[in-house]
Full PDB file with SEQRES, HELIX, SHEET, SSBOND, CRYST1, ORIGX, SCALE, CONECT and MASTER records, all heavy atoms in Angstrom:
SEQRES   1 A   37  GLU VAL GLN ILE LYS VAL SER ALA ALA ALA VAL ASN PRO          
SEQRES   2 A   37  ILE ASP TRP LYS LEU ALA ALA GLY ALA LEU ALA PRO PRO          
SEQRES   3 A   37  GLY ALA ASP PHE PRO PHE PRO TYR THR LEU GLY                  
HELIX    1 AA1 PRO A   13  ALA A   19  1                                   7    
CRYST1    1.000    1.000    1.000  90.00  90.00  90.00 P 1           1          
ORIGX1      1.000000  0.000000  0.000000        0.00000                         
ORIGX2      0.000000  1.000000  0.000000        0.00000                         
ORIGX3      0.000000  0.000000  1.000000        0.00000                         
SCALE1      1.000000  0.000000  0.000000        0.00000                         
SCALE2      0.000000  1.000000  0.000000        0.00000                         
SCALE3      0.000000  0.000000  1.000000        0.00000                         
ATOM      1  N   GLU A   1     129.720 165.477  62.453  1.00  0.00           N  
ATOM      2  CA  GLU A   1     130.742 166.484  62.709  1.00  0.00           C  
ATOM      3  C   GLU A   1     130.986 166.676  64.205  1.00  0.00           C  
ATOM      4  O   GLU A   1     130.116 166.387  65.033  1.00  0.00           O  
ATOM      5  CB  GLU A   1     130.338 167.835  62.123  1.00  0.00           C  
ATOM      6  CG  GLU A   1     130.345 167.899  60.615  1.00  0.00           C  
ATOM      7  CD  GLU A   1     130.098 169.311  60.118  1.00  0.00           C  
ATOM      8  OE1 GLU A   1     129.351 170.068  60.781  1.00  0.00           O  
ATOM      9  OE2 GLU A   1     130.658 169.657  59.064  1.00  0.00           O  
ATOM     10  N   VAL A   2     132.173 167.189  64.522  1.00  0.00           N  
ATOM     11  CA  VAL A   2     132.471 167.645  65.871  1.00  0.00           C  
ATOM     12  C   VAL A   2     132.797 169.132  65.817  1.00  0.00           C  
ATOM     13  O   VAL A   2     133.292 169.641  64.810  1.00  0.00           O  
ATOM     14  CB  VAL A   2     133.649 166.877  66.506  1.00  0.00           C  
ATOM     15  CG1 VAL A   2     133.271 165.437  66.770  1.00  0.00           C  
ATOM     16  CG2 VAL A   2     134.908 166.964  65.640  1.00  0.00           C  
ATOM     17  N   GLN A   3     132.490 169.789  66.903  1.00  0.00           N  
ATOM     18  CA  GLN A   3     132.925 171.171  67.094  1.00  0.00           C  
ATOM     19  C   GLN A   3     134.187 171.122  67.957  1.00  0.00           C  
ATOM     20  O   GLN A   3     134.219 170.434  68.972  1.00  0.00           O  
ATOM     21  CB  GLN A   3     131.842 171.969  67.804  1.00  0.00           C  
ATOM     22  CG  GLN A   3     132.204 173.419  68.088  1.00  0.00           C  
ATOM     23  CD  GLN A   3     131.205 174.044  69.049  1.00  0.00           C  
ATOM     24  OE1 GLN A   3     131.222 173.763  70.245  1.00  0.00           O  
ATOM     25  NE2 GLN A   3     130.292 174.853  68.512  1.00  0.00           N  
ATOM     26  N   ILE A   4     135.227 171.812  67.517  1.00  0.00           N  
ATOM     27  CA  ILE A   4     136.510 171.799  68.217  1.00  0.00           C  
ATOM     28  C   ILE A   4     136.828 173.196  68.719  1.00  0.00           C  
ATOM     29  O   ILE A   4     136.825 174.161  67.939  1.00  0.00           O  
ATOM     30  CB  ILE A   4     137.649 171.321  67.290  1.00  0.00           C  
ATOM     31  CG1 ILE A   4     137.365 169.907  66.778  1.00  0.00           C  
ATOM     32  CG2 ILE A   4     138.995 171.365  68.012  1.00  0.00           C  
ATOM     33  CD1 ILE A   4     138.327 169.463  65.679  1.00  0.00           C  
ATOM     34  N   LYS A   5     137.086 173.305  70.019  1.00  0.00           N  
ATOM     35  CA  LYS A   5     137.627 174.554  70.561  1.00  0.00           C  
ATOM     36  C   LYS A   5     139.114 174.536  70.290  1.00  0.00           C  
ATOM     37  O   LYS A   5     139.853 173.726  70.850  1.00  0.00           O  
ATOM     38  CB  LYS A   5     137.366 174.693  72.061  1.00  0.00           C  
ATOM     39  CG  LYS A   5     137.783 176.055  72.614  1.00  0.00           C  
ATOM     40  CD  LYS A   5     137.505 176.177  74.091  1.00  0.00           C  
ATOM     41  CE  LYS A   5     137.750 177.618  74.556  1.00  0.00           C  
ATOM     42  NZ  LYS A   5     139.091 178.112  74.196  1.00  0.00           N  
ATOM     43  N   VAL A   6     139.558 175.391  69.412  1.00  0.00           N  
ATOM     44  CA  VAL A   6     140.938 175.367  68.932  1.00  0.00           C  
ATOM     45  C   VAL A   6     141.885 175.831  70.034  1.00  0.00           C  
ATOM     46  O   VAL A   6     141.694 176.894  70.639  1.00  0.00           O  
ATOM     47  CB  VAL A   6     141.096 176.255  67.686  1.00  0.00           C  
ATOM     48  CG1 VAL A   6     142.554 176.291  67.229  1.00  0.00           C  
ATOM     49  CG2 VAL A   6     140.192 175.749  66.555  1.00  0.00           C  
ATOM     50  N   SER A   7     142.914 175.038  70.294  1.00  0.00           N  
ATOM     51  CA  SER A   7     143.994 175.425  71.200  1.00  0.00           C  
ATOM     52  C   SER A   7     145.188 175.968  70.429  1.00  0.00           C  
ATOM     53  O   SER A   7     145.824 176.939  70.847  1.00  0.00           O  
ATOM     54  CB  SER A   7     144.446 174.232  72.050  1.00  0.00           C  
ATOM     55  OG  SER A   7     143.399 173.754  72.862  1.00  0.00           O  
ATOM     56  N   ALA A   8     145.503 175.339  69.291  1.00  0.00           N  
ATOM     57  CA  ALA A   8     146.651 175.739  68.485  1.00  0.00           C  
ATOM     58  C   ALA A   8     146.395 175.359  67.030  1.00  0.00           C  
ATOM     59  O   ALA A   8     145.693 174.384  66.740  1.00  0.00           O  
ATOM     60  CB  ALA A   8     147.919 175.069  68.993  1.00  0.00           C  
ATOM     61  N   ALA A   9     146.963 176.141  66.121  1.00  0.00           N  
ATOM     62  CA  ALA A   9     146.809 175.891  64.686  1.00  0.00           C  
ATOM     63  C   ALA A   9     148.098 176.292  63.983  1.00  0.00           C  
ATOM     64  O   ALA A   9     148.605 177.397  64.212  1.00  0.00           O  
ATOM     65  CB  ALA A   9     145.635 176.680  64.121  1.00  0.00           C  
ATOM     66  N   ALA A  10     148.646 175.408  63.158  1.00  0.00           N  
ATOM     67  CA  ALA A  10     149.893 175.709  62.460  1.00  0.00           C  
ATOM     68  C   ALA A  10     149.613 176.478  61.173  1.00  0.00           C  
ATOM     69  O   ALA A  10     148.567 176.319  60.543  1.00  0.00           O  
ATOM     70  CB  ALA A  10     150.643 174.420  62.147  1.00  0.00           C  
ATOM     71  N   VAL A  11     150.580 177.300  60.807  1.00  0.00           N  
ATOM     72  CA  VAL A  11     150.496 178.088  59.570  1.00  0.00           C  
ATOM     73  C   VAL A  11     151.252 177.345  58.476  1.00  0.00           C  
ATOM     74  O   VAL A  11     152.399 176.927  58.673  1.00  0.00           O  
ATOM     75  CB  VAL A  11     151.096 179.489  59.776  1.00  0.00           C  
ATOM     76  CG1 VAL A  11     150.972 180.324  58.508  1.00  0.00           C  
ATOM     77  CG2 VAL A  11     150.410 180.184  60.949  1.00  0.00           C  
ATOM     78  N   ASN A  12     150.621 177.179  57.317  1.00  0.00           N  
ATOM     79  CA  ASN A  12     151.218 176.460  56.195  1.00  0.00           C  
ATOM     80  C   ASN A  12     151.095 177.270  54.910  1.00  0.00           C  
ATOM     81  O   ASN A  12     150.134 178.044  54.749  1.00  0.00           O  
ATOM     82  CB  ASN A  12     150.513 175.113  55.984  1.00  0.00           C  
ATOM     83  CG  ASN A  12     150.717 174.165  57.141  1.00  0.00           C  
ATOM     84  OD1 ASN A  12     151.813 173.716  57.400  1.00  0.00           O  
ATOM     85  ND2 ASN A  12     149.644 173.866  57.871  1.00  0.00           N  
ATOM     86  N   PRO A  13     152.030 177.107  53.966  1.00  0.00           N  
ATOM     87  CA  PRO A  13     151.934 177.828  52.700  1.00  0.00           C  
ATOM     88  C   PRO A  13     150.625 177.582  51.955  1.00  0.00           C  
ATOM     89  O   PRO A  13     150.166 178.450  51.203  1.00  0.00           O  
ATOM     90  CB  PRO A  13     153.126 177.295  51.896  1.00  0.00           C  
ATOM     91  CG  PRO A  13     154.116 176.909  52.943  1.00  0.00           C  
ATOM     92  CD  PRO A  13     153.300 176.366  54.077  1.00  0.00           C  
ATOM     93  N   ILE A  14     150.003 176.412  52.172  1.00  0.00           N  
ATOM     94  CA  ILE A  14     148.756 176.127  51.484  1.00  0.00           C  
ATOM     95  C   ILE A  14     147.675 177.141  51.835  1.00  0.00           C  
ATOM     96  O   ILE A  14     146.777 177.423  51.036  1.00  0.00           O  
ATOM     97  CB  ILE A  14     148.269 174.690  51.810  1.00  0.00           C  
ATOM     98  CG1 ILE A  14     147.123 174.282  50.876  1.00  0.00           C  
ATOM     99  CG2 ILE A  14     147.869 174.561  53.265  1.00  0.00           C  
ATOM    100  CD1 ILE A  14     146.688 172.850  51.053  1.00  0.00           C  
ATOM    101  N   ASP A  15     147.784 177.753  53.020  1.00  0.00           N  
ATOM    102  CA  ASP A  15     146.768 178.710  53.445  1.00  0.00           C  
ATOM    103  C   ASP A  15     146.764 179.958  52.568  1.00  0.00           C  
ATOM    104  O   ASP A  15     145.705 180.410  52.130  1.00  0.00           O  
ATOM    105  CB  ASP A  15     146.983 179.087  54.910  1.00  0.00           C  
ATOM    106  CG  ASP A  15     146.851 177.892  55.832  1.00  0.00           C  
ATOM    107  OD1 ASP A  15     145.773 177.298  55.851  1.00  0.00           O  
ATOM    108  OD2 ASP A  15     147.823 177.551  56.527  1.00  0.00           O  
ATOM    109  N   TRP A  16     147.940 180.531  52.335  1.00  0.00           N  
ATOM    110  CA  TRP A  16     147.935 181.734  51.512  1.00  0.00           C  
ATOM    111  C   TRP A  16     147.756 181.418  50.030  1.00  0.00           C  
ATOM    112  O   TRP A  16     147.263 182.246  49.263  1.00  0.00           O  
ATOM    113  CB  TRP A  16     149.161 182.605  51.760  1.00  0.00           C  
ATOM    114  CG  TRP A  16     150.510 181.983  51.831  1.00  0.00           C  
ATOM    115  CD1 TRP A  16     151.177 181.561  52.944  1.00  0.00           C  
ATOM    116  CD2 TRP A  16     151.404 181.755  50.739  1.00  0.00           C  
ATOM    117  NE1 TRP A  16     152.421 181.066  52.616  1.00  0.00           N  
ATOM    118  CE2 TRP A  16     152.596 181.182  51.277  1.00  0.00           C  
ATOM    119  CE3 TRP A  16     151.321 181.986  49.363  1.00  0.00           C  
ATOM    120  CZ2 TRP A  16     153.685 180.828  50.485  1.00  0.00           C  
ATOM    121  CZ3 TRP A  16     152.393 181.626  48.569  1.00  0.00           C  
ATOM    122  CH2 TRP A  16     153.568 181.052  49.132  1.00  0.00           C  
ATOM    123  N   LYS A  17     148.110 180.201  49.625  1.00  0.00           N  
ATOM    124  CA  LYS A  17     147.820 179.805  48.245  1.00  0.00           C  
ATOM    125  C   LYS A  17     146.312 179.676  48.047  1.00  0.00           C  
ATOM    126  O   LYS A  17     145.767 180.060  47.011  1.00  0.00           O  
ATOM    127  CB  LYS A  17     148.526 178.492  47.913  1.00  0.00           C  
ATOM    128  CG  LYS A  17     150.047 178.618  47.865  1.00  0.00           C  
ATOM    129  CD  LYS A  17     150.720 177.284  47.620  1.00  0.00           C  
ATOM    130  CE  LYS A  17     152.236 177.420  47.625  1.00  0.00           C  
ATOM    131  NZ  LYS A  17     152.922 176.113  47.425  1.00  0.00           N  
ATOM    132  N   LEU A  18     145.642 179.109  49.046  1.00  0.00           N  
ATOM    133  CA  LEU A  18     144.187 178.989  48.967  1.00  0.00           C  
ATOM    134  C   LEU A  18     143.545 180.371  48.928  1.00  0.00           C  
ATOM    135  O   LEU A  18     142.629 180.624  48.145  1.00  0.00           O  
ATOM    136  CB  LEU A  18     143.657 178.192  50.153  1.00  0.00           C  
ATOM    137  CG  LEU A  18     142.161 177.858  50.160  1.00  0.00           C  
ATOM    138  CD1 LEU A  18     141.907 176.557  50.900  1.00  0.00           C  
ATOM    139  CD2 LEU A  18     141.324 178.966  50.785  1.00  0.00           C  
ATOM    140  N   ALA A  19     144.028 181.296  49.766  1.00  0.00           N  
ATOM    141  CA  ALA A  19     143.468 182.643  49.811  1.00  0.00           C  
ATOM    142  C   ALA A  19     143.591 183.345  48.464  1.00  0.00           C  
ATOM    143  O   ALA A  19     142.742 184.162  48.085  1.00  0.00           O  
ATOM    144  CB  ALA A  19     144.155 183.466  50.889  1.00  0.00           C  
ATOM    145  N   ALA A  20     144.642 183.000  47.719  1.00  0.00           N  
ATOM    146  CA  ALA A  20     144.837 183.598  46.393  1.00  0.00           C  
ATOM    147  C   ALA A  20     143.974 182.944  45.325  1.00  0.00           C  
ATOM    148  O   ALA A  20     143.883 183.432  44.196  1.00  0.00           O  
ATOM    149  CB  ALA A  20     146.309 183.499  45.995  1.00  0.00           C  
ATOM    150  N   GLY A  21     143.330 181.808  45.673  1.00  0.00           N  
ATOM    151  CA  GLY A  21     142.466 181.119  44.722  1.00  0.00           C  
ATOM    152  C   GLY A  21     143.120 179.964  44.005  1.00  0.00           C  
ATOM    153  O   GLY A  21     142.522 179.374  43.107  1.00  0.00           O  
ATOM    154  N   ALA A  22     144.340 179.585  44.420  1.00  0.00           N  
ATOM    155  CA  ALA A  22     145.085 178.549  43.704  1.00  0.00           C  
ATOM    156  C   ALA A  22     144.461 177.168  43.824  1.00  0.00           C  
ATOM    157  O   ALA A  22     144.693 176.307  42.976  1.00  0.00           O  
ATOM    158  CB  ALA A  22     146.522 178.501  44.205  1.00  0.00           C  
ATOM    159  N   LEU A  23     143.671 176.918  44.857  1.00  0.00           N  
ATOM    160  CA  LEU A  23     143.095 175.587  45.063  1.00  0.00           C  
ATOM    161  C   LEU A  23     141.650 175.480  44.620  1.00  0.00           C  
ATOM    162  O   LEU A  23     141.028 174.438  44.776  1.00  0.00           O  
ATOM    163  CB  LEU A  23     143.197 175.193  46.549  1.00  0.00           C  
ATOM    164  CG  LEU A  23     144.591 175.160  47.157  1.00  0.00           C  
ATOM    165  CD1 LEU A  23     144.524 174.648  48.593  1.00  0.00           C  
ATOM    166  CD2 LEU A  23     145.519 174.278  46.346  1.00  0.00           C  
ATOM    167  N   ALA A  24     141.106 176.560  44.100  1.00  0.00           N  
ATOM    168  CA  ALA A  24     139.692 176.558  43.733  1.00  0.00           C  
ATOM    169  C   ALA A  24     139.487 175.952  42.348  1.00  0.00           C  
ATOM    170  O   ALA A  24     140.076 176.426  41.371  1.00  0.00           O  
ATOM    171  CB  ALA A  24     139.140 177.976  43.746  1.00  0.00           C  
ATOM    172  N   PRO A  25     138.667 174.900  42.221  1.00  0.00           N  
ATOM    173  CA  PRO A  25     138.361 174.363  40.894  1.00  0.00           C  
ATOM    174  C   PRO A  25     137.663 175.432  40.051  1.00  0.00           C  
ATOM    175  O   PRO A  25     136.888 176.230  40.579  1.00  0.00           O  
ATOM    176  CB  PRO A  25     137.404 173.197  41.193  1.00  0.00           C  
ATOM    177  CG  PRO A  25     137.611 172.880  42.634  1.00  0.00           C  
ATOM    178  CD  PRO A  25     137.976 174.166  43.289  1.00  0.00           C  
ATOM    179  N   PRO A  26     137.943 175.473  38.738  1.00  0.00           N  
ATOM    180  CA  PRO A  26     137.292 176.474  37.879  1.00  0.00           C  
ATOM    181  C   PRO A  26     135.770 176.385  37.989  1.00  0.00           C  
ATOM    182  O   PRO A  26     135.186 175.314  37.919  1.00  0.00           O  
ATOM    183  CB  PRO A  26     137.770 176.092  36.474  1.00  0.00           C  
ATOM    184  CG  PRO A  26     139.058 175.356  36.698  1.00  0.00           C  
ATOM    185  CD  PRO A  26     138.882 174.625  37.993  1.00  0.00           C  
ATOM    186  N   GLY A  27     135.155 177.529  38.196  1.00  0.00           N  
ATOM    187  CA  GLY A  27     133.696 177.574  38.266  1.00  0.00           C  
ATOM    188  C   GLY A  27     133.100 177.110  39.570  1.00  0.00           C  
ATOM    189  O   GLY A  27     131.881 177.025  39.722  1.00  0.00           O  
ATOM    190  N   ALA A  28     133.952 176.802  40.562  1.00  0.00           N  
ATOM    191  CA  ALA A  28     133.454 176.293  41.837  1.00  0.00           C  
ATOM    192  C   ALA A  28     132.733 177.389  42.610  1.00  0.00           C  
ATOM    193  O   ALA A  28     133.132 178.550  42.587  1.00  0.00           O  
ATOM    194  CB  ALA A  28     134.600 175.747  42.666  1.00  0.00           C  
ATOM    195  N   ASP A  29     131.677 177.007  43.291  1.00  0.00           N  
ATOM    196  CA  ASP A  29     130.932 177.919  44.146  1.00  0.00           C  
ATOM    197  C   ASP A  29     131.528 177.809  45.549  1.00  0.00           C  
ATOM    198  O   ASP A  29     131.064 177.038  46.378  1.00  0.00           O  
ATOM    199  CB  ASP A  29     129.443 177.552  44.141  1.00  0.00           C  
ATOM    200  CG  ASP A  29     128.609 178.540  44.937  1.00  0.00           C  
ATOM    201  OD1 ASP A  29     129.115 179.635  45.208  1.00  0.00           O  
ATOM    202  OD2 ASP A  29     127.461 178.199  45.286  1.00  0.00           O  
ATOM    203  N   PHE A  30     132.593 178.583  45.808  1.00  0.00           N  
ATOM    204  CA  PHE A  30     133.324 178.453  47.054  1.00  0.00           C  
ATOM    205  C   PHE A  30     132.514 179.038  48.209  1.00  0.00           C  
ATOM    206  O   PHE A  30     131.827 180.054  48.041  1.00  0.00           O  
ATOM    207  CB  PHE A  30     134.679 179.172  46.948  1.00  0.00           C  
ATOM    208  CG  PHE A  30     135.805 178.425  47.581  1.00  0.00           C  
ATOM    209  CD1 PHE A  30     136.391 177.350  46.930  1.00  0.00           C  
ATOM    210  CD2 PHE A  30     136.282 178.774  48.826  1.00  0.00           C  
ATOM    211  CE1 PHE A  30     137.449 176.653  47.501  1.00  0.00           C  
ATOM    212  CE2 PHE A  30     137.339 178.088  49.405  1.00  0.00           C  
ATOM    213  CZ  PHE A  30     137.920 177.018  48.741  1.00  0.00           C  
ATOM    214  N   PRO A  31     132.592 178.411  49.400  1.00  0.00           N  
ATOM    215  CA  PRO A  31     131.748 178.823  50.524  1.00  0.00           C  
ATOM    216  C   PRO A  31     132.314 180.002  51.314  1.00  0.00           C  
ATOM    217  O   PRO A  31     133.029 179.830  52.290  1.00  0.00           O  
ATOM    218  CB  PRO A  31     131.703 177.562  51.390  1.00  0.00           C  
ATOM    219  CG  PRO A  31     133.020 176.898  51.150  1.00  0.00           C  
ATOM    220  CD  PRO A  31     133.375 177.198  49.724  1.00  0.00           C  
ATOM    221  N   PHE A  32     132.018 181.223  50.866  1.00  0.00           N  
ATOM    222  CA  PHE A  32     132.454 182.419  51.601  1.00  0.00           C  
ATOM    223  C   PHE A  32     131.369 182.840  52.592  1.00  0.00           C  
ATOM    224  O   PHE A  32     130.178 182.595  52.347  1.00  0.00           O  
ATOM    225  CB  PHE A  32     132.744 183.556  50.621  1.00  0.00           C  
ATOM    226  CG  PHE A  32     133.907 183.289  49.708  1.00  0.00           C  
ATOM    227  CD1 PHE A  32     133.685 183.079  48.345  1.00  0.00           C  
ATOM    228  CD2 PHE A  32     135.202 183.232  50.187  1.00  0.00           C  
ATOM    229  CE1 PHE A  32     134.752 182.828  47.485  1.00  0.00           C  
ATOM    230  CE2 PHE A  32     136.268 182.974  49.342  1.00  0.00           C  
ATOM    231  CZ  PHE A  32     136.046 182.778  47.988  1.00  0.00           C  
ATOM    232  N   PRO A  33     131.726 183.520  53.708  1.00  0.00           N  
ATOM    233  CA  PRO A  33     133.091 183.819  54.160  1.00  0.00           C  
ATOM    234  C   PRO A  33     133.825 182.542  54.534  1.00  0.00           C  
ATOM    235  O   PRO A  33     133.229 181.592  55.030  1.00  0.00           O  
ATOM    236  CB  PRO A  33     132.879 184.724  55.366  1.00  0.00           C  
ATOM    237  CG  PRO A  33     131.531 184.358  55.870  1.00  0.00           C  
ATOM    238  CD  PRO A  33     130.720 184.002  54.670  1.00  0.00           C  
ATOM    239  N   TYR A  34     135.137 182.560  54.325  1.00  0.00           N  
ATOM    240  CA  TYR A  34     135.954 181.358  54.447  1.00  0.00           C  
ATOM    241  C   TYR A  34     137.053 181.571  55.477  1.00  0.00           C  
ATOM    242  O   TYR A  34     137.867 182.491  55.361  1.00  0.00           O  
ATOM    243  CB  TYR A  34     136.573 181.024  53.096  1.00  0.00           C  
ATOM    244  CG  TYR A  34     137.189 179.656  53.026  1.00  0.00           C  
ATOM    245  CD1 TYR A  34     136.441 178.566  52.606  1.00  0.00           C  
ATOM    246  CD2 TYR A  34     138.514 179.455  53.396  1.00  0.00           C  
ATOM    247  CE1 TYR A  34     137.006 177.300  52.556  1.00  0.00           C  
ATOM    248  CE2 TYR A  34     139.073 178.191  53.349  1.00  0.00           C  
ATOM    249  CZ  TYR A  34     138.318 177.124  52.932  1.00  0.00           C  
ATOM    250  OH  TYR A  34     138.864 175.879  52.894  1.00  0.00           O  
ATOM    251  N   THR A  35     137.088 180.719  56.502  1.00  0.00           N  
ATOM    252  CA  THR A  35     138.129 180.799  57.524  1.00  0.00           C  
ATOM    253  C   THR A  35     139.292 179.900  57.130  1.00  0.00           C  
ATOM    254  O   THR A  35     139.110 178.714  56.863  1.00  0.00           O  
ATOM    255  CB  THR A  35     137.585 180.373  58.901  1.00  0.00           C  
ATOM    256  OG1 THR A  35     136.521 181.258  59.274  1.00  0.00           O  
ATOM    257  CG2 THR A  35     138.678 180.436  59.958  1.00  0.00           C  
ATOM    258  N   LEU A  36     140.485 180.467  57.090  1.00  0.00           N  
ATOM    259  CA  LEU A  36     141.673 179.723  56.709  1.00  0.00           C  
ATOM    260  C   LEU A  36     142.149 178.832  57.853  1.00  0.00           C  
ATOM    261  O   LEU A  36     141.698 178.942  58.987  1.00  0.00           O  
ATOM    262  CB  LEU A  36     142.787 180.693  56.308  1.00  0.00           C  
ATOM    263  CG  LEU A  36     142.470 181.643  55.151  1.00  0.00           C  
ATOM    264  CD1 LEU A  36     143.625 182.620  54.958  1.00  0.00           C  
ATOM    265  CD2 LEU A  36     142.194 180.886  53.871  1.00  0.00           C  
ATOM    266  N   GLY A  37     143.125 177.970  57.550  1.00  0.00           N  
ATOM    267  CA  GLY A  37     143.739 177.122  58.564  1.00  0.00           C  
ATOM    268  C   GLY A  37     143.438 175.651  58.362  1.00  0.00           C  
ATOM    269  O   GLY A  37     142.273 175.265  58.259  1.00  0.00           O  
TER     270      GLY A  37                                                      
MASTER        0    0    0    1    0    0    0    6  269    1    0    3          
END                                                                             
């Protein structure tokens, strides 16, 4: 892995869909707390 000092990050509809749980497989143990982007 690399650690990246973020300069800029684009906002995409997938981010709020993910926040709503739309991308989570049923029964998945999602890694919270979760940073979007």
